[in-house]
Amino acid sequence: MKPIVTIFTLLLLFAGVANAELPAATATAVNQALSSGKPTLIDFGLRTCPVCKKMAPYLESLSNEYRGRANILFIDVRADQATAQKFRVQMLPTQLFINPQGKEVQRHTGFMDKEGIIKGLKSAGLK
């Protein structure tokens, strides 16, 4: 019986990580992040996009890890098409890395793993 309990526990833990996601940011939150003087990552995607879902746990984890040092935001383009248009997003997912002065320093389209996200944040000024 013990192995079943262990497997069940692991499945619950994995399910929790697989469903992790940042709340969708508003246009106001984006403006606040860009004027905060901190590096910012804005990830544009859809809640239903398989690639976006795969990235969600990384974004949530890094958002917690770098709280106070960097802004990590998710924009659901279905809910906020205006912000996606403002940043000229054409494909999903798209990640924008913005330096503390509010200038875009890197743009990436497609899946990005945790190490890639960290590298992008460092290129945007994360210390």
Protein backbone atom coordinates (compact mmCIF):
# COMPACT_ATOMS: atom_id res chain seq x y z
CA MET A 1 0.00 0.00 0.00
CA LYS A 2 2.88 2.40 0.71
CA PRO A 3 4.06 2.55 -2.97
CA ILE A 4 0.55 3.51 -4.06
CA VAL A 5 0.48 6.34 -1.53
CA THR A 6 3.88 7.55 -2.73
CA ILE A 7 2.84 7.45 -6.39
CA PHE A 8 -0.41 9.24 -5.55
CA THR A 9 1.53 11.93 -3.64
CA LEU A 10 3.90 12.43 -6.58
CA LEU A 11 0.98 12.71 -8.99
CA LEU A 12 -0.64 15.36 -6.81
CA LEU A 13 2.61 17.33 -6.62
CA PHE A 14 3.13 17.08 -10.38
CA ALA A 15 -0.47 18.09 -11.06
CA GLY A 16 0.00 21.17 -8.89
CA VAL A 17 3.13 22.19 -10.79
CA ALA A 18 1.60 21.46 -14.19
CA ASN A 19 -1.34 23.74 -13.45
CA ALA A 20 0.73 26.59 -12.03
CA GLU A 21 0.13 29.88 -13.76
CA LEU A 22 0.51 33.57 -13.21
CA PRO A 23 -2.65 35.64 -13.09
CA ALA A 24 -3.20 37.61 -16.27
CA ALA A 25 -1.75 41.10 -15.99
CA THR A 26 -3.76 44.20 -16.77
CA ALA A 27 -2.62 47.17 -18.86
CA THR A 28 -2.21 49.07 -15.58
CA ALA A 29 0.08 46.35 -14.19
CA VAL A 30 2.18 46.50 -17.36
CA ASN A 31 2.53 50.28 -17.07
CA GLN A 32 3.50 49.97 -13.40
CA ALA A 33 6.10 47.30 -14.20
CA LEU A 34 7.61 49.36 -17.00
CA SER A 35 7.94 52.40 -14.75
CA SER A 36 9.27 50.42 -11.75
CA GLY A 37 12.95 50.70 -12.65
CA LYS A 38 13.26 46.89 -12.66
CA PRO A 39 13.83 44.46 -15.53
CA THR A 40 10.55 43.13 -16.87
CA LEU A 41 9.47 40.04 -18.76
CA ILE A 42 6.08 40.16 -20.43
CA ASP A 43 4.93 36.79 -21.74
CA PHE A 44 2.11 36.98 -24.29
CA GLY A 45 0.10 33.80 -24.75
CA LEU A 46 -3.19 32.00 -24.29
CA ARG A 47 -4.38 29.93 -21.34
CA THR A 48 -5.35 27.19 -23.81
CA CYS A 49 -2.02 27.13 -25.71
CA PRO A 50 -0.07 23.91 -24.97
CA VAL A 51 3.32 25.67 -25.20
CA CYS A 52 2.09 28.48 -22.94
CA LYS A 53 0.86 25.92 -20.40
CA LYS A 54 4.27 24.24 -20.46
CA MET A 55 5.98 27.55 -19.68
CA ALA A 56 3.53 28.62 -16.96
CA PRO A 57 5.23 26.82 -14.04
CA TYR A 58 8.60 28.40 -14.94
CA LEU A 59 7.08 31.86 -15.07
CA GLU A 60 5.30 31.42 -11.77
CA SER A 61 8.39 30.01 -10.05
CA LEU A 62 10.64 32.81 -11.34
CA SER A 63 8.05 35.44 -10.45
CA ASN A 64 8.25 34.28 -6.85
CA GLU A 65 12.03 33.84 -6.90
CA TYR A 66 12.72 37.32 -8.31
CA ARG A 67 9.93 39.19 -6.52
CA GLY A 68 11.16 42.69 -5.79
CA ARG A 69 14.04 42.36 -8.29
CA ALA A 70 12.18 41.83 -11.56
CA ASN A 71 8.65 41.92 -12.94
CA ILE A 72 7.31 38.81 -14.65
CA LEU A 73 3.91 39.27 -16.26
CA PHE A 74 1.59 37.14 -18.37
CA ILE A 75 -0.82 38.68 -20.87
CA ASP A 76 -3.65 36.48 -22.13
CA VAL A 77 -4.04 37.92 -25.62
CA ARG A 78 -7.59 36.67 -25.90
CA ALA A 79 -8.54 38.86 -22.94
CA ASP A 80 -6.22 41.78 -23.75
CA GLN A 81 -5.74 42.19 -27.47
CA ALA A 82 -4.95 45.90 -27.13
CA THR A 83 -1.77 45.30 -25.13
CA ALA A 84 -0.65 42.61 -27.58
CA GLN A 85 -1.20 45.05 -30.46
CA LYS A 86 0.64 47.83 -28.61
CA PHE A 87 3.72 45.58 -28.36
CA ARG A 88 3.31 44.29 -31.94
CA VAL A 89 2.93 40.65 -30.91
CA GLN A 90 2.33 38.49 -33.97
CA MET A 91 2.92 34.92 -32.76
CA LEU A 92 2.30 33.07 -29.51
CA PRO A 93 3.88 32.70 -27.12
CA THR A 94 6.09 35.78 -27.34
CA GLN A 95 8.35 36.92 -24.53
CA LEU A 96 9.53 40.52 -24.28
CA PHE A 97 12.47 41.38 -22.04
CA ILE A 98 12.52 45.04 -21.08
CA ASN A 99 15.33 46.81 -19.23
CA PRO A 100 14.82 49.06 -16.18
CA GLN A 101 14.64 52.11 -18.46
CA GLY A 102 11.63 50.61 -20.26
CA LYS A 103 13.44 49.67 -23.50
CA GLU A 104 12.86 46.28 -25.11
CA VAL A 105 16.22 44.48 -25.23
CA GLN A 106 15.15 41.01 -26.37
CA ARG A 107 12.16 39.36 -28.03
CA HIS A 108 11.63 35.62 -28.28
CA THR A 109 8.84 33.64 -29.91
CA GLY A 110 7.98 30.09 -28.90
CA PHE A 111 8.82 27.92 -25.93
CA MET A 112 11.48 29.19 -23.55
CA ASP A 113 12.83 27.06 -20.70
CA LYS A 114 13.68 28.34 -17.25
CA GLU A 115 17.36 28.85 -18.05
CA GLY A 116 16.47 30.82 -21.18
CA ILE A 117 14.11 33.02 -19.21
CA ILE A 118 16.80 33.72 -16.60
CA LYS A 119 19.29 34.55 -19.36
CA GLY A 120 16.76 36.94 -20.91
CA LEU A 121 16.12 38.63 -17.57
CA LYS A 122 19.88 39.06 -17.09
CA SER A 123 20.15 40.65 -20.55
CA ALA A 124 17.43 43.05 -19.37
CA GLY A 125 19.46 44.01 -16.30
CA LEU A 126 18.63 41.43 -13.61
CA LYS A 127 21.39 41.31 -11.01
